[in-house]
Amino acid sequence: MVGAYAAVSFASVTAPKTLWSANPVTITFSGSAGSGSVGEDVKCAPKVTDVVFHTSVSNPTKMSLTVSPIGEASCGPAPDPVTVTAHCLVAAPACQGTYTGTVTILQGYSTIPPSLAVTIVVT
């Protein structure tokens, strides 16, 4: 039983974590502009390989959220710049409002927490 506890404790200590330069972030833009972006730096500890960025948004019929690049060969202790962009999918007046989104780093089927919380404000 002590061995099992030690194994679980060790696994939780060595599980990869993400560090965003700012979390949460807000992207604000006018509906007539159609999109807005924010730059972020991301680090992972310990280093992980072959990661992809997965996005979700509260109203995917009106708004999309993308990350560039879409993934990385490795994510480690050195900061890697990424750009998070929100795009209106409907005409400017119908796009106005506030949306929430997330950017999650995945390695295979595993999530590397925490996700980046994104608030999108369209004026």
C-alpha atoms as a PDB file:
ATOM      1  CA  MET A   1       0.000   0.000   0.000  1.00  0.00           C
ATOM      2  CA  VAL A   2       2.831   2.408   0.770  1.00  0.00           C
ATOM      3  CA  GLY A   3       4.368   1.605  -2.624  1.00  0.00           C
ATOM      4  CA  ALA A   4       1.088   2.382  -4.394  1.00  0.00           C
ATOM      5  CA  TYR A   5       0.799   5.713  -2.572  1.00  0.00           C
ATOM      6  CA  ALA A   6       4.378   6.613  -3.474  1.00  0.00           C
ATOM      7  CA  ALA A   7       3.753   5.729  -7.122  1.00  0.00           C
ATOM      8  CA  VAL A   8       0.639   7.920  -7.266  1.00  0.00           C
ATOM      9  CA  SER A   9       2.416  10.817  -5.533  1.00  0.00           C
ATOM     10  CA  PHE A  10       5.401  10.533  -7.863  1.00  0.00           C
ATOM     11  CA  ALA A  11       3.147  10.423 -10.943  1.00  0.00           C
ATOM     12  CA  SER A  12       1.314  13.592  -9.907  1.00  0.00           C
ATOM     13  CA  VAL A  13       4.594  15.430  -9.297  1.00  0.00           C
ATOM     14  CA  THR A  14       6.055  14.492 -12.692  1.00  0.00           C
ATOM     15  CA  ALA A  15       2.889  15.041 -14.753  1.00  0.00           C
ATOM     16  CA  PRO A  16       3.499  17.737 -17.392  1.00  0.00           C
ATOM     17  CA  LYS A  17       2.149  21.217 -16.717  1.00  0.00           C
ATOM     18  CA  THR A  18       1.639  24.227 -18.975  1.00  0.00           C
ATOM     19  CA  LEU A  19       2.665  27.775 -18.137  1.00  0.00           C
ATOM     20  CA  TRP A  20       1.053  30.558 -20.200  1.00  0.00           C
ATOM     21  CA  SER A  21       2.529  34.084 -20.171  1.00  0.00           C
ATOM     22  CA  ALA A  22      -0.926  35.408 -19.184  1.00  0.00           C
ATOM     23  CA  ASN A  23      -3.975  33.387 -18.181  1.00  0.00           C
ATOM     24  CA  PRO A  24      -6.770  34.396 -18.662  1.00  0.00           C
ATOM     25  CA  VAL A  25      -6.540  36.653 -21.720  1.00  0.00           C
ATOM     26  CA  THR A  26      -9.042  38.927 -23.470  1.00  0.00           C
ATOM     27  CA  ILE A  27      -9.320  39.561 -27.196  1.00  0.00           C
ATOM     28  CA  THR A  28     -11.312  42.710 -28.017  1.00  0.00           C
ATOM     29  CA  PHE A  29     -12.163  43.880 -31.532  1.00  0.00           C
ATOM     30  CA  SER A  30     -14.934  45.555 -33.497  1.00  0.00           C
ATOM     31  CA  GLY A  31     -17.369  43.423 -35.440  1.00  0.00           C
ATOM     32  CA  SER A  32     -16.481  45.350 -38.598  1.00  0.00           C
ATOM     33  CA  ALA A  33     -12.821  44.294 -38.197  1.00  0.00           C
ATOM     34  CA  GLY A  34     -13.947  40.682 -38.222  1.00  0.00           C
ATOM     35  CA  SER A  35     -11.123  39.298 -36.076  1.00  0.00           C
ATOM     36  CA  GLY A  36      -8.665  40.003 -33.303  1.00  0.00           C
ATOM     37  CA  SER A  37      -5.571  38.321 -31.902  1.00  0.00           C
ATOM     38  CA  VAL A  38      -3.403  38.099 -28.822  1.00  0.00           C
ATOM     39  CA  GLY A  39       0.173  36.869 -28.549  1.00  0.00           C
ATOM     40  CA  GLU A  40       1.068  34.361 -25.859  1.00  0.00           C
ATOM     41  CA  ASP A  41       4.183  32.511 -24.754  1.00  0.00           C
ATOM     42  CA  VAL A  42       3.767  28.933 -23.602  1.00  0.00           C
ATOM     43  CA  LYS A  43       6.133  26.632 -21.703  1.00  0.00           C
ATOM     44  CA  CYS A  44       5.815  23.021 -20.569  1.00  0.00           C
ATOM     45  CA  ALA A  45       7.487  21.327 -17.621  1.00  0.00           C
ATOM     46  CA  PRO A  46       8.791  18.759 -17.968  1.00  0.00           C
ATOM     47  CA  LYS A  47       9.442  18.923 -21.718  1.00  0.00           C
ATOM     48  CA  VAL A  48       6.916  17.073 -23.894  1.00  0.00           C
ATOM     49  CA  THR A  49       6.969  16.257 -27.591  1.00  0.00           C
ATOM     50  CA  ASP A  50       4.428  16.238 -30.408  1.00  0.00           C
ATOM     51  CA  VAL A  51       1.804  18.515 -28.899  1.00  0.00           C
ATOM     52  CA  VAL A  52      -1.191  20.104 -30.613  1.00  0.00           C
ATOM     53  CA  PHE A  53      -3.358  23.038 -29.595  1.00  0.00           C
ATOM     54  CA  HIS A  54      -7.088  22.343 -29.341  1.00  0.00           C
ATOM     55  CA  THR A  55      -9.561  25.234 -29.175  1.00  0.00           C
ATOM     56  CA  SER A  56     -13.184  25.530 -28.180  1.00  0.00           C
ATOM     57  CA  VAL A  57     -15.534  28.511 -28.081  1.00  0.00           C
ATOM     58  CA  SER A  58     -18.891  29.109 -26.402  1.00  0.00           C
ATOM     59  CA  ASN A  59     -20.789  29.836 -29.641  1.00  0.00           C
ATOM     60  CA  PRO A  60     -19.113  28.053 -32.578  1.00  0.00           C
ATOM     61  CA  THR A  61     -21.859  29.142 -34.994  1.00  0.00           C
ATOM     62  CA  LYS A  62     -20.845  32.810 -34.563  1.00  0.00           C
ATOM     63  CA  MET A  63     -17.184  32.690 -33.510  1.00  0.00           C
ATOM     64  CA  SER A  64     -14.082  30.625 -34.206  1.00  0.00           C
ATOM     65  CA  LEU A  65     -10.885  30.447 -32.193  1.00  0.00           C
ATOM     66  CA  THR A  66      -7.588  29.368 -33.725  1.00  0.00           C
ATOM     67  CA  VAL A  67      -3.961  29.061 -32.615  1.00  0.00           C
ATOM     68  CA  SER A  68      -0.895  29.537 -34.773  1.00  0.00           C
ATOM     69  CA  PRO A  69       1.090  27.362 -34.972  1.00  0.00           C
ATOM     70  CA  ILE A  70      -1.384  24.489 -34.580  1.00  0.00           C
ATOM     71  CA  GLY A  71       1.167  22.368 -32.729  1.00  0.00           C
ATOM     72  CA  GLU A  72       4.797  21.924 -31.798  1.00  0.00           C
ATOM     73  CA  ALA A  73       7.387  19.187 -32.110  1.00  0.00           C
ATOM     74  CA  SER A  74       8.343  19.928 -28.504  1.00  0.00           C
ATOM     75  CA  CYS A  75       7.164  22.137 -25.652  1.00  0.00           C
ATOM     76  CA  GLY A  76       9.735  22.726 -22.946  1.00  0.00           C
ATOM     77  CA  PRO A  77      11.132  25.275 -20.509  1.00  0.00           C
ATOM     78  CA  ALA A  78      11.953  27.849 -23.202  1.00  0.00           C
ATOM     79  CA  PRO A  79       8.971  30.071 -24.072  1.00  0.00           C
ATOM     80  CA  ASP A  80       7.373  29.350 -27.437  1.00  0.00           C
ATOM     81  CA  PRO A  81       5.332  32.173 -29.013  1.00  0.00           C
ATOM     82  CA  VAL A  82       1.816  31.404 -30.228  1.00  0.00           C
ATOM     83  CA  THR A  83      -0.931  33.630 -31.600  1.00  0.00           C
ATOM     84  CA  VAL A  84      -4.535  33.103 -30.523  1.00  0.00           C
ATOM     85  CA  THR A  85      -7.047  34.549 -33.004  1.00  0.00           C
ATOM     86  CA  ALA A  86     -10.810  34.969 -32.792  1.00  0.00           C
ATOM     87  CA  HIS A  87     -12.807  35.288 -36.053  1.00  0.00           C
ATOM     88  CA  CYS A  88     -16.439  36.332 -36.521  1.00  0.00           C
ATOM     89  CA  LEU A  89     -18.324  33.778 -38.613  1.00  0.00           C
ATOM     90  CA  VAL A  90     -21.365  36.002 -39.132  1.00  0.00           C
ATOM     91  CA  ALA A  91     -21.991  39.622 -40.185  1.00  0.00           C
ATOM     92  CA  ALA A  92     -20.691  42.345 -37.862  1.00  0.00           C
ATOM     93  CA  PRO A  93     -23.972  43.280 -36.111  1.00  0.00           C
ATOM     94  CA  ALA A  94     -24.801  39.625 -35.412  1.00  0.00           C
ATOM     95  CA  CYS A  95     -21.292  38.953 -34.103  1.00  0.00           C
ATOM     96  CA  GLN A  96     -21.358  41.560 -31.348  1.00  0.00           C
ATOM     97  CA  GLY A  97     -21.224  40.205 -27.828  1.00  0.00           C
ATOM     98  CA  THR A  98     -18.989  38.376 -25.379  1.00  0.00           C
ATOM     99  CA  TYR A  99     -17.789  34.818 -25.881  1.00  0.00           C
ATOM    100  CA  THR A 100     -15.606  32.460 -23.892  1.00  0.00           C
ATOM    101  CA  GLY A 101     -13.060  30.066 -25.253  1.00  0.00           C
ATOM    102  CA  THR A 102     -10.252  27.762 -24.222  1.00  0.00           C
ATOM    103  CA  VAL A 103      -6.954  26.644 -25.675  1.00  0.00           C
ATOM    104  CA  THR A 104      -5.827  23.235 -24.483  1.00  0.00           C
ATOM    105  CA  ILE A 105      -2.524  21.508 -25.171  1.00  0.00           C
ATOM    106  CA  LEU A 106      -2.853  17.841 -26.067  1.00  0.00           C
ATOM    107  CA  GLN A 107      -0.190  15.179 -26.314  1.00  0.00           C
ATOM    108  CA  GLY A 108      -1.911  12.245 -27.953  1.00  0.00           C
ATOM    109  CA  TYR A 109      -5.120  11.824 -25.972  1.00  0.00           C
ATOM    110  CA  SER A 110      -3.701  13.429 -22.808  1.00  0.00           C
ATOM    111  CA  THR A 111      -4.434  17.011 -21.777  1.00  0.00           C
ATOM    112  CA  ILE A 112      -1.582  19.065 -20.329  1.00  0.00           C
ATOM    113  CA  PRO A 113      -3.182  21.452 -17.819  1.00  0.00           C
ATOM    114  CA  PRO A 114      -4.011  24.203 -17.325  1.00  0.00           C
ATOM    115  CA  SER A 115      -5.897  25.339 -20.400  1.00  0.00           C
ATOM    116  CA  LEU A 116      -5.740  28.979 -21.486  1.00  0.00           C
ATOM    117  CA  ALA A 117      -8.998  30.826 -20.735  1.00  0.00           C
ATOM    118  CA  VAL A 118      -9.956  33.324 -23.449  1.00  0.00           C
ATOM    119  CA  THR A 119     -12.639  36.009 -23.248  1.00  0.00           C
ATOM    120  CA  ILE A 120     -13.651  37.414 -26.635  1.00  0.00           C
ATOM    121  CA  VAL A 121     -15.378  40.817 -26.688  1.00  0.00           C
ATOM    122  CA  VAL A 122     -16.804  42.004 -29.999  1.00  0.00           C
ATOM    123  CA  THR A 123     -18.001  45.621 -30.047  1.00  0.00           C
END
